[in-house]
Amino acid sequence: MMPIIDLLNKIKLDKKEKPEDYEIIYFDRILGKQMTMPYTKIQALEDPFMVLRDKAGEVRIPLHRIQEVKKKSKTIWKR
């Protein structure tokens, strides 16, 4: 299985891929549950984090919390 950072970078950099086709499922430790978000919400990849920006500011989610990646609702990567 491909390391998650490699997969996320491939989605970002490969011209054949459409980032809007992807969803990231990760565990939110504060809410205590799985969350789903579109790949397009990722502002930066700074190993070992994915960086998101929202109304509250910058949010860093550790890559080890990613549990699954889906492309058009099909699982392509799972921890």
N, C-alpha and C. Protein backbone atom coordinates (compact mmCIF):
# COMPACT_ATOMS: atom_id res chain seq x y z
N MET A 1 0.85 -1.18 0.00
CA MET A 1 0.00 0.00 0.00
C MET A 1 0.90 1.24 0.00
N MET A 2 0.49 2.21 -0.77
CA MET A 2 1.23 3.47 -0.90
C MET A 2 1.11 4.27 0.40
N PRO A 3 2.21 4.88 0.87
CA PRO A 3 2.12 5.77 2.05
C PRO A 3 1.14 6.91 1.75
N ILE A 4 0.39 7.32 2.76
CA ILE A 4 -0.65 8.34 2.58
C ILE A 4 -0.10 9.66 2.04
N ILE A 5 1.07 10.07 2.47
CA ILE A 5 1.63 11.33 1.96
C ILE A 5 1.90 11.24 0.47
N ASP A 6 2.35 10.07 0.00
CA ASP A 6 2.60 9.88 -1.43
C ASP A 6 1.29 9.94 -2.22
N LEU A 7 0.25 9.31 -1.70
CA LEU A 7 -1.04 9.34 -2.38
C LEU A 7 -1.59 10.77 -2.45
N LEU A 8 -1.55 11.50 -1.35
CA LEU A 8 -2.06 12.87 -1.33
C LEU A 8 -1.29 13.77 -2.29
N ASN A 9 0.02 13.59 -2.35
CA ASN A 9 0.83 14.37 -3.29
C ASN A 9 0.53 13.98 -4.73
N LYS A 10 0.30 12.71 -4.99
CA LYS A 10 -0.03 12.26 -6.35
C LYS A 10 -1.34 12.91 -6.80
N ILE A 11 -2.33 12.92 -5.94
CA ILE A 11 -3.61 13.55 -6.28
C ILE A 11 -3.40 15.03 -6.61
N LYS A 12 -2.55 15.66 -5.84
CA LYS A 12 -2.29 17.10 -6.01
C LYS A 12 -1.49 17.40 -7.28
N LEU A 13 -0.49 16.58 -7.57
CA LEU A 13 0.47 16.91 -8.62
C LEU A 13 0.23 16.24 -9.97
N ASP A 14 -0.45 15.11 -9.98
CA ASP A 14 -0.66 14.37 -11.22
C ASP A 14 -1.76 15.07 -12.04
N LYS A 15 -1.40 15.52 -13.22
CA LYS A 15 -2.34 16.26 -14.09
C LYS A 15 -3.54 15.39 -14.51
N LYS A 16 -3.38 14.07 -14.45
CA LYS A 16 -4.47 13.17 -14.83
C LYS A 16 -5.54 13.05 -13.73
N GLU A 17 -5.19 13.45 -12.53
CA GLU A 17 -6.12 13.35 -11.40
C GLU A 17 -6.92 14.63 -11.23
N LYS A 18 -8.15 14.48 -10.75
CA LYS A 18 -9.01 15.62 -10.44
C LYS A 18 -9.24 15.60 -8.93
N PRO A 19 -8.61 16.51 -8.19
CA PRO A 19 -8.76 16.53 -6.73
C PRO A 19 -10.21 16.55 -6.26
N GLU A 20 -11.10 17.16 -7.03
CA GLU A 20 -12.51 17.22 -6.62
C GLU A 20 -13.21 15.85 -6.64
N ASP A 21 -12.56 14.85 -7.21
CA ASP A 21 -13.12 13.48 -7.22
C ASP A 21 -12.85 12.73 -5.92
N TYR A 22 -12.04 13.30 -5.03
CA TYR A 22 -11.57 12.58 -3.84
C TYR A 22 -12.18 13.09 -2.55
N GLU A 23 -12.35 12.15 -1.62
CA GLU A 23 -12.78 12.46 -0.25
C GLU A 23 -11.79 11.85 0.72
N ILE A 24 -11.56 12.54 1.81
CA ILE A 24 -10.67 12.06 2.87
C ILE A 24 -11.53 11.75 4.09
N ILE A 25 -11.36 10.57 4.65
CA ILE A 25 -12.06 10.20 5.88
C ILE A 25 -10.99 10.13 6.97
N TYR A 26 -11.17 10.91 8.02
CA TYR A 26 -10.19 10.95 9.10
C TYR A 26 -10.90 10.91 10.44
N PHE A 27 -10.15 10.58 11.49
CA PHE A 27 -10.71 10.54 12.84
C PHE A 27 -10.46 11.87 13.52
N ASP A 28 -11.53 12.53 13.94
CA ASP A 28 -11.43 13.79 14.68
C ASP A 28 -11.42 13.45 16.16
N ARG A 29 -10.29 13.63 16.81
CA ARG A 29 -10.17 13.22 18.21
C ARG A 29 -10.96 14.12 19.16
N ILE A 30 -11.20 15.36 18.78
CA ILE A 30 -11.97 16.26 19.62
C ILE A 30 -13.45 15.86 19.60
N LEU A 31 -13.98 15.59 18.43
CA LEU A 31 -15.38 15.16 18.31
C LEU A 31 -15.55 13.68 18.62
N GLY A 32 -14.45 12.93 18.53
CA GLY A 32 -14.49 11.51 18.82
C GLY A 32 -15.19 10.68 17.76
N LYS A 33 -15.12 11.13 16.50
CA LYS A 33 -15.79 10.38 15.44
C LYS A 33 -15.09 10.60 14.10
N GLN A 34 -15.46 9.76 13.13
CA GLN A 34 -14.93 9.90 11.78
C GLN A 34 -15.58 11.10 11.09
N MET A 35 -14.76 11.80 10.33
CA MET A 35 -15.23 12.95 9.56
C MET A 35 -14.86 12.73 8.10
N THR A 36 -15.68 13.24 7.21
CA THR A 36 -15.41 13.16 5.78
C THR A 36 -15.29 14.58 5.25
N MET A 37 -14.28 14.78 4.40
CA MET A 37 -14.09 16.10 3.81
C MET A 37 -13.60 15.94 2.38
N PRO A 38 -13.91 16.89 1.51
CA PRO A 38 -13.38 16.82 0.15
C PRO A 38 -11.88 17.11 0.16
N TYR A 39 -11.17 16.47 -0.73
CA TYR A 39 -9.72 16.68 -0.85
C TYR A 39 -9.41 18.17 -1.07
N THR A 40 -10.29 18.85 -1.76
CA THR A 40 -10.04 20.26 -2.12
C THR A 40 -9.94 21.20 -0.92
N LYS A 41 -10.34 20.73 0.27
CA LYS A 41 -10.20 21.56 1.48
C LYS A 41 -8.76 21.61 1.99
N ILE A 42 -7.92 20.70 1.50
CA ILE A 42 -6.51 20.69 1.93
C ILE A 42 -5.81 21.87 1.29
N GLN A 43 -5.23 22.72 2.13
CA GLN A 43 -4.51 23.90 1.64
C GLN A 43 -3.03 23.61 1.42
N ALA A 44 -2.48 22.68 2.22
CA ALA A 44 -1.06 22.34 2.11
C ALA A 44 -0.83 20.97 2.73
N LEU A 45 0.24 20.32 2.28
CA LEU A 45 0.69 19.07 2.88
C LEU A 45 2.07 19.33 3.45
N GLU A 46 2.15 19.26 4.77
CA GLU A 46 3.41 19.49 5.47
C GLU A 46 3.62 18.27 6.36
N ASP A 47 4.27 17.26 5.80
CA ASP A 47 4.47 15.99 6.51
C ASP A 47 4.94 16.27 7.93
N PRO A 48 4.29 15.81 8.95
CA PRO A 48 3.24 14.79 9.00
C PRO A 48 1.82 15.34 9.15
N PHE A 49 1.51 16.48 8.53
CA PHE A 49 0.18 17.08 8.66
C PHE A 49 -0.43 17.42 7.32
N MET A 50 -1.77 17.47 7.28
CA MET A 50 -2.46 18.15 6.19
C MET A 50 -3.00 19.43 6.82
N VAL A 51 -2.88 20.51 6.11
CA VAL A 51 -3.25 21.82 6.64
C VAL A 51 -4.54 22.27 5.96
N LEU A 52 -5.52 22.61 6.79
CA LEU A 52 -6.80 23.12 6.31
C LEU A 52 -6.96 24.54 6.84
N ARG A 53 -7.75 25.33 6.14
CA ARG A 53 -8.08 26.66 6.65
C ARG A 53 -9.59 26.76 6.70
N ASP A 54 -10.08 27.23 7.82
CA ASP A 54 -11.51 27.45 7.96
C ASP A 54 -11.74 28.80 8.63
N LYS A 55 -12.97 29.07 9.03
CA LYS A 55 -13.30 30.35 9.64
C LYS A 55 -12.49 30.63 10.91
N ALA A 56 -12.13 29.57 11.62
CA ALA A 56 -11.36 29.71 12.86
C ALA A 56 -9.87 29.90 12.61
N GLY A 57 -9.44 29.70 11.38
CA GLY A 57 -8.01 29.83 11.05
C GLY A 57 -7.45 28.54 10.50
N GLU A 58 -6.17 28.34 10.76
CA GLU A 58 -5.47 27.17 10.24
C GLU A 58 -5.67 25.97 11.16
N VAL A 59 -5.93 24.84 10.55
CA VAL A 59 -6.11 23.59 11.29
C VAL A 59 -5.12 22.58 10.73
N ARG A 60 -4.38 21.93 11.61
CA ARG A 60 -3.41 20.90 11.20
C ARG A 60 -3.92 19.55 11.69
N ILE A 61 -4.10 18.64 10.74
CA ILE A 61 -4.56 17.30 11.08
C ILE A 61 -3.43 16.33 10.77
N PRO A 62 -3.00 15.57 11.77
CA PRO A 62 -1.92 14.60 11.54
C PRO A 62 -2.34 13.56 10.49
N LEU A 63 -1.43 13.23 9.61
CA LEU A 63 -1.72 12.27 8.54
C LEU A 63 -2.07 10.89 9.09
N HIS A 64 -1.57 10.55 10.28
CA HIS A 64 -1.88 9.23 10.82
C HIS A 64 -3.35 9.10 11.21
N ARG A 65 -4.08 10.20 11.24
CA ARG A 65 -5.52 10.14 11.55
C ARG A 65 -6.37 9.84 10.31
N ILE A 66 -5.77 9.92 9.13
CA ILE A 66 -6.51 9.58 7.92
C ILE A 66 -6.75 8.08 7.93
N GLN A 67 -8.01 7.71 7.77
CA GLN A 67 -8.37 6.30 7.81
C GLN A 67 -8.71 5.73 6.44
N GLU A 68 -9.13 6.61 5.53
CA GLU A 68 -9.58 6.12 4.23
C GLU A 68 -9.55 7.26 3.22
N VAL A 69 -9.34 6.91 1.95
CA VAL A 69 -9.43 7.86 0.84
C VAL A 69 -10.35 7.23 -0.20
N LYS A 70 -11.31 8.03 -0.67
CA LYS A 70 -12.25 7.54 -1.68
C LYS A 70 -12.15 8.40 -2.93
N LYS A 71 -12.32 7.73 -4.06
CA LYS A 71 -12.39 8.42 -5.35
C LYS A 71 -13.75 8.07 -5.94
N LYS A 72 -14.58 9.08 -6.15
CA LYS A 72 -15.93 8.88 -6.66
C LYS A 72 -16.66 7.81 -5.86
N SER A 73 -16.58 7.92 -4.55
CA SER A 73 -17.26 7.03 -3.58
C SER A 73 -16.68 5.62 -3.49
N LYS A 74 -15.61 5.33 -4.21
CA LYS A 74 -14.96 4.01 -4.12
C LYS A 74 -13.69 4.13 -3.28
N THR A 75 -13.52 3.24 -2.33
CA THR A 75 -12.33 3.25 -1.48
C THR A 75 -11.12 2.87 -2.32
N ILE A 76 -10.10 3.75 -2.28
CA ILE A 76 -8.85 3.44 -3.01
C ILE A 76 -7.67 3.26 -2.06
N TRP A 77 -7.86 3.69 -0.80
CA TRP A 77 -6.80 3.55 0.22
C TRP A 77 -7.49 3.42 1.56
N LYS A 78 -7.02 2.49 2.37
CA LYS A 78 -7.60 2.31 3.70
C LYS A 78 -6.50 1.87 4.66
N ARG A 79 -6.53 2.44 5.85
CA ARG A 79 -5.57 2.09 6.88
C ARG A 79 -5.92 0.75 7.48
